[in-house]
Amino acid sequence: MNFKGDEVEHEFVNATLSREVRASFNVKDTDYIELPGNGLSLKELFVPLLRDWGTCLDLELYEEALIHFLGGQQHVIRPVEILVDGKRVGQQPLKLLSPDVSFCVTAINNGQDQYELQLRRFLKHTSLRTIQWVYVGRTLGTFKTIRS
């Protein structure tokens, strides 16, 4: 805030990197499979969003945009059965691209291999067949399909 002039001036800063720097990234999708479903491609929605907004923003912003473009919370966030030894033990609300495909967006800097293992373990305990995982790094957007 600047109170010295005739009018109060302000500048809102929510990212330390410029938009140009944040919008300069590569896409890795060698382990990504485009799945038939509701006609909307996660990658086709997400890459233009990243090109426009850039990387390094709060993940909730990206997720909210995806949820909006996929039809809203009532359509995207749905309960999924959790199974142990093939028996239903509960439900977990997840973000779904289709009834048997979930998606998640992360920005973890270390431990992607361990996170992938956790996603695979989780997937085995659900009625889902696939998780579409997006990892948003500073210079790389990675799209990966996790299958049971």
N, C-alpha and C. Protein backbone atom coordinates (compact mmCIF):
# COMPACT_ATOMS: atom_id res chain seq x y z
N MET A 1 0.85 -1.18 0.00
CA MET A 1 0.00 0.00 0.00
C MET A 1 0.89 1.24 0.00
N ASN A 2 0.49 2.21 -0.75
CA ASN A 2 1.21 3.47 -0.80
C ASN A 2 0.24 4.58 -0.43
N PHE A 3 0.49 5.24 0.72
CA PHE A 3 -0.39 6.29 1.21
C PHE A 3 0.15 7.69 0.91
N LYS A 4 1.29 7.82 0.21
CA LYS A 4 1.94 9.11 0.02
C LYS A 4 1.31 9.97 -1.06
N GLY A 5 0.64 9.38 -2.04
CA GLY A 5 0.06 10.15 -3.13
C GLY A 5 -1.30 10.71 -2.77
N ASP A 6 -1.95 11.32 -3.75
CA ASP A 6 -3.30 11.86 -3.56
C ASP A 6 -4.33 10.74 -3.37
N GLU A 7 -4.03 9.57 -3.94
CA GLU A 7 -4.92 8.43 -3.82
C GLU A 7 -4.14 7.25 -3.24
N VAL A 8 -4.85 6.40 -2.55
CA VAL A 8 -4.21 5.20 -2.03
C VAL A 8 -3.95 4.27 -3.22
N GLU A 9 -2.71 3.82 -3.34
CA GLU A 9 -2.34 2.90 -4.41
C GLU A 9 -2.00 1.55 -3.81
N HIS A 10 -2.27 0.49 -4.56
CA HIS A 10 -1.93 -0.84 -4.07
C HIS A 10 -1.58 -1.74 -5.24
N GLU A 11 -0.87 -2.77 -4.94
CA GLU A 11 -0.53 -3.80 -5.92
C GLU A 11 -0.71 -5.14 -5.22
N PHE A 12 -1.52 -6.00 -5.83
CA PHE A 12 -1.76 -7.31 -5.25
C PHE A 12 -0.74 -8.27 -5.83
N VAL A 13 0.02 -8.92 -4.97
CA VAL A 13 1.04 -9.87 -5.42
C VAL A 13 0.70 -11.23 -4.82
N ASN A 14 0.44 -12.19 -5.70
CA ASN A 14 0.13 -13.54 -5.20
C ASN A 14 1.11 -14.58 -5.74
N ALA A 15 2.07 -14.17 -6.52
CA ALA A 15 3.08 -15.10 -7.04
C ALA A 15 4.41 -14.35 -7.15
N THR A 16 5.47 -15.00 -6.72
CA THR A 16 6.78 -14.34 -6.76
C THR A 16 7.40 -14.38 -8.15
N LEU A 17 6.98 -15.29 -9.00
CA LEU A 17 7.49 -15.38 -10.37
C LEU A 17 6.55 -14.66 -11.32
N SER A 18 7.10 -14.08 -12.36
CA SER A 18 6.25 -13.40 -13.35
C SER A 18 5.43 -14.44 -14.11
N ARG A 19 4.36 -13.98 -14.72
CA ARG A 19 3.51 -14.87 -15.50
C ARG A 19 4.31 -15.48 -16.65
N GLU A 20 5.17 -14.70 -17.27
CA GLU A 20 5.98 -15.21 -18.39
C GLU A 20 6.87 -16.36 -17.93
N VAL A 21 7.47 -16.23 -16.76
CA VAL A 21 8.33 -17.29 -16.23
C VAL A 21 7.48 -18.51 -15.89
N ARG A 22 6.33 -18.28 -15.25
CA ARG A 22 5.46 -19.40 -14.85
C ARG A 22 4.85 -20.11 -16.06
N ALA A 23 4.67 -19.39 -17.17
CA ALA A 23 4.06 -19.98 -18.37
C ALA A 23 5.08 -20.68 -19.25
N SER A 24 6.33 -20.64 -18.85
CA SER A 24 7.39 -21.31 -19.62
C SER A 24 7.67 -22.67 -18.98
N PHE A 25 7.06 -23.72 -19.52
CA PHE A 25 7.22 -25.07 -18.98
C PHE A 25 7.05 -26.06 -20.12
N ASN A 26 7.50 -27.26 -19.90
CA ASN A 26 7.34 -28.36 -20.85
C ASN A 26 6.27 -29.31 -20.34
N VAL A 27 5.77 -30.13 -21.23
CA VAL A 27 4.77 -31.13 -20.88
C VAL A 27 5.35 -32.51 -21.12
N LYS A 28 5.22 -33.37 -20.13
CA LYS A 28 5.63 -34.77 -20.26
C LYS A 28 4.37 -35.63 -20.14
N ASP A 29 4.10 -36.40 -21.17
CA ASP A 29 2.89 -37.24 -21.16
C ASP A 29 3.15 -38.64 -21.69
N THR A 30 4.39 -39.11 -21.58
CA THR A 30 4.74 -40.43 -22.10
C THR A 30 4.00 -41.56 -21.38
N ASP A 31 3.61 -41.35 -20.13
CA ASP A 31 2.88 -42.36 -19.36
C ASP A 31 1.41 -42.01 -19.21
N TYR A 32 0.91 -41.20 -20.12
CA TYR A 32 -0.48 -40.75 -20.07
C TYR A 32 -1.27 -41.41 -21.19
N ILE A 33 -2.43 -41.93 -20.85
CA ILE A 33 -3.32 -42.55 -21.82
C ILE A 33 -4.62 -41.75 -21.82
N GLU A 34 -4.98 -41.24 -22.98
CA GLU A 34 -6.24 -40.53 -23.10
C GLU A 34 -7.35 -41.57 -23.09
N LEU A 35 -8.26 -41.44 -22.15
CA LEU A 35 -9.30 -42.44 -21.97
C LEU A 35 -10.63 -41.96 -22.53
N PRO A 36 -11.35 -42.86 -23.21
CA PRO A 36 -12.69 -42.48 -23.66
C PRO A 36 -13.58 -42.32 -22.43
N GLY A 37 -14.48 -41.42 -22.52
CA GLY A 37 -15.35 -41.20 -21.36
C GLY A 37 -16.39 -40.16 -21.69
N ASN A 38 -16.38 -39.10 -20.91
CA ASN A 38 -17.41 -38.08 -21.09
C ASN A 38 -17.06 -37.06 -22.17
N GLY A 39 -16.04 -37.35 -22.98
CA GLY A 39 -15.70 -36.47 -24.09
C GLY A 39 -14.77 -35.33 -23.73
N LEU A 40 -14.41 -35.20 -22.46
CA LEU A 40 -13.52 -34.13 -22.04
C LEU A 40 -12.16 -34.71 -21.67
N SER A 41 -11.13 -34.13 -22.23
CA SER A 41 -9.77 -34.58 -21.97
C SER A 41 -9.14 -33.74 -20.86
N LEU A 42 -8.66 -34.42 -19.83
CA LEU A 42 -8.00 -33.71 -18.73
C LEU A 42 -6.81 -32.91 -19.25
N LYS A 43 -6.00 -33.52 -20.07
CA LYS A 43 -4.81 -32.84 -20.60
C LYS A 43 -5.20 -31.66 -21.49
N GLU A 44 -6.21 -31.83 -22.33
CA GLU A 44 -6.64 -30.75 -23.21
C GLU A 44 -7.25 -29.58 -22.44
N LEU A 45 -7.80 -29.84 -21.27
CA LEU A 45 -8.30 -28.77 -20.41
C LEU A 45 -7.17 -28.11 -19.62
N PHE A 46 -6.25 -28.94 -19.13
CA PHE A 46 -5.26 -28.46 -18.16
C PHE A 46 -4.09 -27.71 -18.80
N VAL A 47 -3.59 -28.18 -19.93
CA VAL A 47 -2.42 -27.53 -20.54
C VAL A 47 -2.73 -26.07 -20.91
N PRO A 48 -3.86 -25.78 -21.58
CA PRO A 48 -4.15 -24.37 -21.86
C PRO A 48 -4.32 -23.52 -20.60
N LEU A 49 -4.86 -24.12 -19.56
CA LEU A 49 -4.99 -23.42 -18.28
C LEU A 49 -3.62 -23.05 -17.74
N LEU A 50 -2.68 -24.00 -17.77
CA LEU A 50 -1.32 -23.72 -17.32
C LEU A 50 -0.63 -22.69 -18.22
N ARG A 51 -0.87 -22.76 -19.51
CA ARG A 51 -0.27 -21.79 -20.43
C ARG A 51 -0.79 -20.38 -20.14
N ASP A 52 -2.05 -20.30 -19.75
CA ASP A 52 -2.64 -18.99 -19.45
C ASP A 52 -2.21 -18.48 -18.08
N TRP A 53 -2.33 -19.31 -17.05
CA TRP A 53 -2.04 -18.88 -15.68
C TRP A 53 -0.60 -19.10 -15.27
N GLY A 54 0.02 -20.14 -15.83
CA GLY A 54 1.37 -20.50 -15.43
C GLY A 54 1.37 -21.49 -14.27
N THR A 55 2.56 -21.98 -13.96
CA THR A 55 2.74 -22.93 -12.87
C THR A 55 2.94 -22.17 -11.56
N CYS A 56 3.14 -22.91 -10.49
CA CYS A 56 3.51 -22.35 -9.18
C CYS A 56 2.41 -21.58 -8.48
N LEU A 57 1.17 -21.79 -8.85
CA LEU A 57 0.05 -21.20 -8.12
C LEU A 57 -0.54 -22.25 -7.19
N ASP A 58 -1.43 -21.82 -6.33
CA ASP A 58 -2.09 -22.74 -5.40
C ASP A 58 -2.85 -23.81 -6.19
N LEU A 59 -2.65 -25.06 -5.84
CA LEU A 59 -3.28 -26.17 -6.56
C LEU A 59 -4.80 -26.08 -6.55
N GLU A 60 -5.36 -25.50 -5.51
CA GLU A 60 -6.82 -25.38 -5.45
C GLU A 60 -7.37 -24.54 -6.59
N LEU A 61 -6.59 -23.56 -7.07
CA LEU A 61 -7.04 -22.75 -8.20
C LEU A 61 -7.19 -23.61 -9.45
N TYR A 62 -6.20 -24.45 -9.71
CA TYR A 62 -6.27 -25.34 -10.87
C TYR A 62 -7.42 -26.33 -10.73
N GLU A 63 -7.56 -26.92 -9.53
CA GLU A 63 -8.62 -27.90 -9.31
C GLU A 63 -10.00 -27.27 -9.45
N GLU A 64 -10.18 -26.07 -8.92
CA GLU A 64 -11.47 -25.39 -9.05
C GLU A 64 -11.80 -25.12 -10.50
N ALA A 65 -10.81 -24.73 -11.29
CA ALA A 65 -11.04 -24.49 -12.72
C ALA A 65 -11.42 -25.79 -13.42
N LEU A 66 -10.69 -26.87 -13.14
CA LEU A 66 -11.02 -28.16 -13.75
C LEU A 66 -12.43 -28.59 -13.39
N ILE A 67 -12.76 -28.49 -12.12
CA ILE A 67 -14.10 -28.87 -11.67
C ILE A 67 -15.17 -28.05 -12.39
N HIS A 68 -14.92 -26.76 -12.54
CA HIS A 68 -15.87 -25.90 -13.25
C HIS A 68 -16.06 -26.37 -14.69
N PHE A 69 -14.95 -26.56 -15.41
CA PHE A 69 -15.03 -26.95 -16.82
C PHE A 69 -15.57 -28.37 -17.02
N LEU A 70 -15.47 -29.19 -15.99
CA LEU A 70 -15.98 -30.56 -16.09
C LEU A 70 -17.44 -30.67 -15.65
N GLY A 71 -18.07 -29.56 -15.29
CA GLY A 71 -19.50 -29.58 -14.99
C GLY A 71 -19.89 -29.18 -13.59
N GLY A 72 -18.93 -28.81 -12.75
CA GLY A 72 -19.25 -28.37 -11.40
C GLY A 72 -19.12 -29.47 -10.36
N GLN A 73 -19.09 -29.05 -9.09
CA GLN A 73 -18.88 -29.98 -7.99
C GLN A 73 -19.90 -31.10 -7.95
N GLN A 74 -21.17 -30.77 -8.17
CA GLN A 74 -22.22 -31.78 -8.08
C GLN A 74 -22.03 -32.88 -9.12
N HIS A 75 -21.34 -32.57 -10.21
CA HIS A 75 -21.11 -33.56 -11.27
C HIS A 75 -19.76 -34.26 -11.11
N VAL A 76 -18.75 -33.56 -10.59
CA VAL A 76 -17.37 -34.07 -10.56
C VAL A 76 -17.03 -34.77 -9.25
N ILE A 77 -17.42 -34.22 -8.12
CA ILE A 77 -17.06 -34.80 -6.82
C ILE A 77 -18.16 -35.79 -6.42
N ARG A 78 -17.79 -37.06 -6.47
CA ARG A 78 -18.75 -38.13 -6.24
C ARG A 78 -18.19 -39.15 -5.26
N PRO A 79 -19.05 -39.84 -4.53
CA PRO A 79 -18.56 -40.88 -3.61
C PRO A 79 -18.08 -42.11 -4.39
N VAL A 80 -16.95 -42.65 -3.93
CA VAL A 80 -16.39 -43.86 -4.53
C VAL A 80 -16.26 -44.90 -3.42
N GLU A 81 -16.64 -46.12 -3.73
CA GLU A 81 -16.57 -47.21 -2.75
C GLU A 81 -15.12 -47.53 -2.40
N ILE A 82 -14.86 -47.74 -1.11
CA ILE A 82 -13.57 -48.20 -0.63
C ILE A 82 -13.74 -49.67 -0.25
N LEU A 83 -12.84 -50.52 -0.75
CA LEU A 83 -12.96 -51.96 -0.57
C LEU A 83 -11.76 -52.52 0.17
N VAL A 84 -12.00 -53.50 1.02
CA VAL A 84 -10.94 -54.27 1.67
C VAL A 84 -11.30 -55.73 1.48
N ASP A 85 -10.41 -56.48 0.88
CA ASP A 85 -10.66 -57.88 0.55
C ASP A 85 -11.96 -58.05 -0.23
N GLY A 86 -12.21 -57.10 -1.13
CA GLY A 86 -13.40 -57.16 -1.97
C GLY A 86 -14.69 -56.76 -1.30
N LYS A 87 -14.63 -56.36 -0.03
CA LYS A 87 -15.84 -55.97 0.69
C LYS A 87 -15.85 -54.46 0.89
N ARG A 88 -17.03 -53.88 0.70
CA ARG A 88 -17.20 -52.44 0.87
C ARG A 88 -17.07 -52.07 2.34
N VAL A 89 -16.15 -51.13 2.63
CA VAL A 89 -15.98 -50.68 4.02
C VAL A 89 -16.33 -49.20 4.18
N GLY A 90 -16.63 -48.52 3.08
CA GLY A 90 -16.99 -47.12 3.17
C GLY A 90 -16.95 -46.45 1.82
N GLN A 91 -17.04 -45.12 1.86
CA GLN A 91 -17.00 -44.29 0.66
C GLN A 91 -16.05 -43.13 0.89
N GLN A 92 -15.50 -42.63 -0.20
CA GLN A 92 -14.62 -41.47 -0.15
C GLN A 92 -15.01 -40.54 -1.30
N PRO A 93 -15.28 -39.25 -1.03
CA PRO A 93 -15.58 -38.34 -2.14
C PRO A 93 -14.30 -38.08 -2.94
N LEU A 94 -14.38 -38.29 -4.25
CA LEU A 94 -13.23 -38.09 -5.13
C LEU A 94 -13.64 -37.26 -6.33
N LYS A 95 -12.65 -36.67 -6.99
CA LYS A 95 -12.88 -35.91 -8.21
C LYS A 95 -12.85 -36.89 -9.38
N LEU A 96 -13.96 -36.97 -10.12
CA LEU A 96 -14.09 -37.97 -11.17
C LEU A 96 -14.21 -37.33 -12.55
N LEU A 97 -13.52 -37.95 -13.51
CA LEU A 97 -13.68 -37.60 -14.93
C LEU A 97 -14.82 -38.40 -15.54
N SER A 98 -15.00 -39.61 -15.04
CA SER A 98 -16.09 -40.50 -15.43
C SER A 98 -16.32 -41.42 -14.23
N PRO A 99 -17.36 -42.25 -14.25
CA PRO A 99 -17.67 -43.05 -13.05
C PRO A 99 -16.52 -43.92 -12.54
N ASP A 100 -15.59 -44.33 -13.40
CA ASP A 100 -14.50 -45.19 -12.94
C ASP A 100 -13.11 -44.59 -13.15
N VAL A 101 -13.06 -43.27 -13.38
CA VAL A 101 -11.77 -42.58 -13.58
C VAL A 101 -11.73 -41.34 -12.71
N SER A 102 -10.77 -41.32 -11.79
CA SER A 102 -10.56 -40.17 -10.91
C SER A 102 -9.37 -39.36 -11.42
N PHE A 103 -9.22 -38.15 -10.90
CA PHE A 103 -8.02 -37.38 -11.22
C PHE A 103 -7.51 -36.71 -9.96
N CYS A 104 -6.21 -36.48 -9.95
CA CYS A 104 -5.61 -35.74 -8.85
C CYS A 104 -4.51 -34.83 -9.41
N VAL A 105 -4.33 -33.70 -8.74
CA VAL A 105 -3.33 -32.71 -9.13
C VAL A 105 -2.42 -32.49 -7.94
N THR A 106 -1.11 -32.64 -8.17
CA THR A 106 -0.14 -32.44 -7.10
C THR A 106 0.99 -31.54 -7.58
N ALA A 107 1.80 -31.12 -6.62
CA ALA A 107 2.98 -30.32 -6.92
C ALA A 107 4.14 -30.72 -6.00
N ILE A 108 4.18 -31.98 -5.62
CA ILE A 108 5.23 -32.41 -4.71
C ILE A 108 6.59 -32.34 -5.41
N ASN A 109 7.59 -31.84 -4.68
CA ASN A 109 8.92 -31.67 -5.26
C ASN A 109 9.74 -32.95 -5.20
N ASN A 110 9.58 -33.72 -4.16
CA ASN A 110 10.34 -34.95 -3.99
C ASN A 110 9.37 -36.08 -3.68
N GLY A 111 9.76 -37.28 -4.08
CA GLY A 111 8.95 -38.43 -3.72
C GLY A 111 7.84 -38.77 -4.69
N GLN A 112 7.97 -38.38 -5.96
CA GLN A 112 6.92 -38.71 -6.92
C GLN A 112 6.76 -40.23 -7.07
N ASP A 113 7.86 -40.98 -7.04
CA ASP A 113 7.77 -42.44 -7.16
C ASP A 113 6.98 -43.03 -6.00
N GLN A 114 7.25 -42.55 -4.79
CA GLN A 114 6.52 -43.03 -3.62
C GLN A 114 5.05 -42.63 -3.69
N TYR A 115 4.77 -41.42 -4.17
CA TYR A 115 3.39 -40.98 -4.30
C TYR A 115 2.65 -41.85 -5.31
N GLU A 116 3.32 -42.19 -6.41
CA GLU A 116 2.70 -43.07 -7.40
C GLU A 116 2.37 -44.43 -6.80
N LEU A 117 3.28 -44.97 -5.98
CA LEU A 117 3.00 -46.23 -5.30
C LEU A 117 1.77 -46.12 -4.41
N GLN A 118 1.64 -45.01 -3.71
CA GLN A 118 0.47 -44.79 -2.85
C GLN A 118 -0.81 -44.71 -3.68
N LEU A 119 -0.73 -44.02 -4.83
CA LEU A 119 -1.91 -43.96 -5.71
C LEU A 119 -2.30 -45.36 -6.18
N ARG A 120 -1.32 -46.17 -6.54
CA ARG A 120 -1.60 -47.53 -7.00
C ARG A 120 -2.24 -48.36 -5.88
N ARG A 121 -1.74 -48.23 -4.65
CA ARG A 121 -2.32 -48.95 -3.51
C ARG A 121 -3.75 -48.50 -3.26
N PHE A 122 -3.95 -47.19 -3.30
CA PHE A 122 -5.29 -46.66 -3.10
C PHE A 122 -6.25 -47.18 -4.17
N LEU A 123 -5.81 -47.15 -5.42
CA LEU A 123 -6.63 -47.59 -6.53
C LEU A 123 -7.12 -49.02 -6.34
N LYS A 124 -6.27 -49.88 -5.81
CA LYS A 124 -6.64 -51.29 -5.58
C LYS A 124 -7.77 -51.44 -4.56
N HIS A 125 -7.98 -50.41 -3.75
CA HIS A 125 -9.02 -50.45 -2.72
C HIS A 125 -10.25 -49.65 -3.10
N THR A 126 -10.41 -49.40 -4.40
CA THR A 126 -11.58 -48.65 -4.86
C THR A 126 -12.25 -49.41 -5.99
N SER A 127 -13.39 -48.90 -6.39
CA SER A 127 -14.10 -49.43 -7.55
C SER A 127 -13.63 -48.75 -8.84
N LEU A 128 -12.63 -47.89 -8.75
CA LEU A 128 -12.09 -47.19 -9.92
C LEU A 128 -11.21 -48.11 -10.75
N ARG A 129 -11.07 -47.80 -12.03
CA ARG A 129 -10.10 -48.53 -12.85
C ARG A 129 -8.86 -47.70 -13.13
N THR A 130 -8.96 -46.35 -12.98
CA THR A 130 -7.85 -45.48 -13.36
C THR A 130 -7.85 -44.20 -12.55
N ILE A 131 -6.65 -43.69 -12.30
CA ILE A 131 -6.46 -42.34 -11.77
C ILE A 131 -5.59 -41.58 -12.76
N GLN A 132 -6.08 -40.43 -13.21
CA GLN A 132 -5.28 -39.55 -14.05
C GLN A 132 -4.58 -38.57 -13.11
N TRP A 133 -3.25 -38.64 -13.08
CA TRP A 133 -2.45 -37.85 -12.15
C TRP A 133 -1.72 -36.75 -12.92
N VAL A 134 -1.87 -35.53 -12.43
CA VAL A 134 -1.15 -34.39 -12.99
C VAL A 134 -0.22 -33.86 -11.92
N TYR A 135 1.07 -33.80 -12.26
CA TYR A 135 2.08 -33.21 -11.37
C TYR A 135 2.50 -31.88 -11.98
N VAL A 136 2.28 -30.79 -11.25
CA VAL A 136 2.62 -29.46 -11.74
C VAL A 136 3.92 -29.03 -11.08
N GLY A 137 4.99 -29.06 -11.84
CA GLY A 137 6.28 -28.58 -11.37
C GLY A 137 6.55 -27.19 -11.93
N ARG A 138 7.60 -26.56 -11.50
CA ARG A 138 7.94 -25.22 -11.96
C ARG A 138 8.17 -25.17 -13.47
N THR A 139 8.88 -26.16 -14.01
CA THR A 139 9.21 -26.14 -15.44
C THR A 139 8.66 -27.35 -16.19
N LEU A 140 7.87 -28.18 -15.52
CA LEU A 140 7.38 -29.39 -16.17
C LEU A 140 5.98 -29.75 -15.65
N GLY A 141 5.07 -29.93 -16.58
CA GLY A 141 3.76 -30.46 -16.25
C GLY A 141 3.73 -31.92 -16.70
N THR A 142 3.54 -32.83 -15.76
CA THR A 142 3.58 -34.25 -16.07
C THR A 142 2.19 -34.85 -15.94
N PHE A 143 1.78 -35.58 -16.96
CA PHE A 143 0.50 -36.27 -16.99
C PHE A 143 0.78 -37.76 -16.97
N LYS A 144 0.16 -38.46 -16.04
CA LYS A 144 0.42 -39.90 -15.89
C LYS A 144 -0.89 -40.62 -15.60
N THR A 145 -1.06 -41.76 -16.26
CA THR A 145 -2.24 -42.60 -16.05
C THR A 145 -1.85 -43.75 -15.14
N ILE A 146 -2.54 -43.86 -14.01
CA ILE A 146 -2.31 -44.93 -13.04
C ILE A 146 -3.45 -45.92 -13.20
N ARG A 147 -3.09 -47.17 -13.50
CA ARG A 147 -4.11 -48.21 -13.69
C ARG A 147 -3.92 -49.31 -12.67
N SER A 148 -5.04 -49.96 -12.33
CA SER A 148 -4.95 -51.06 -11.36
C SER A 148 -4.42 -52.32 -12.01
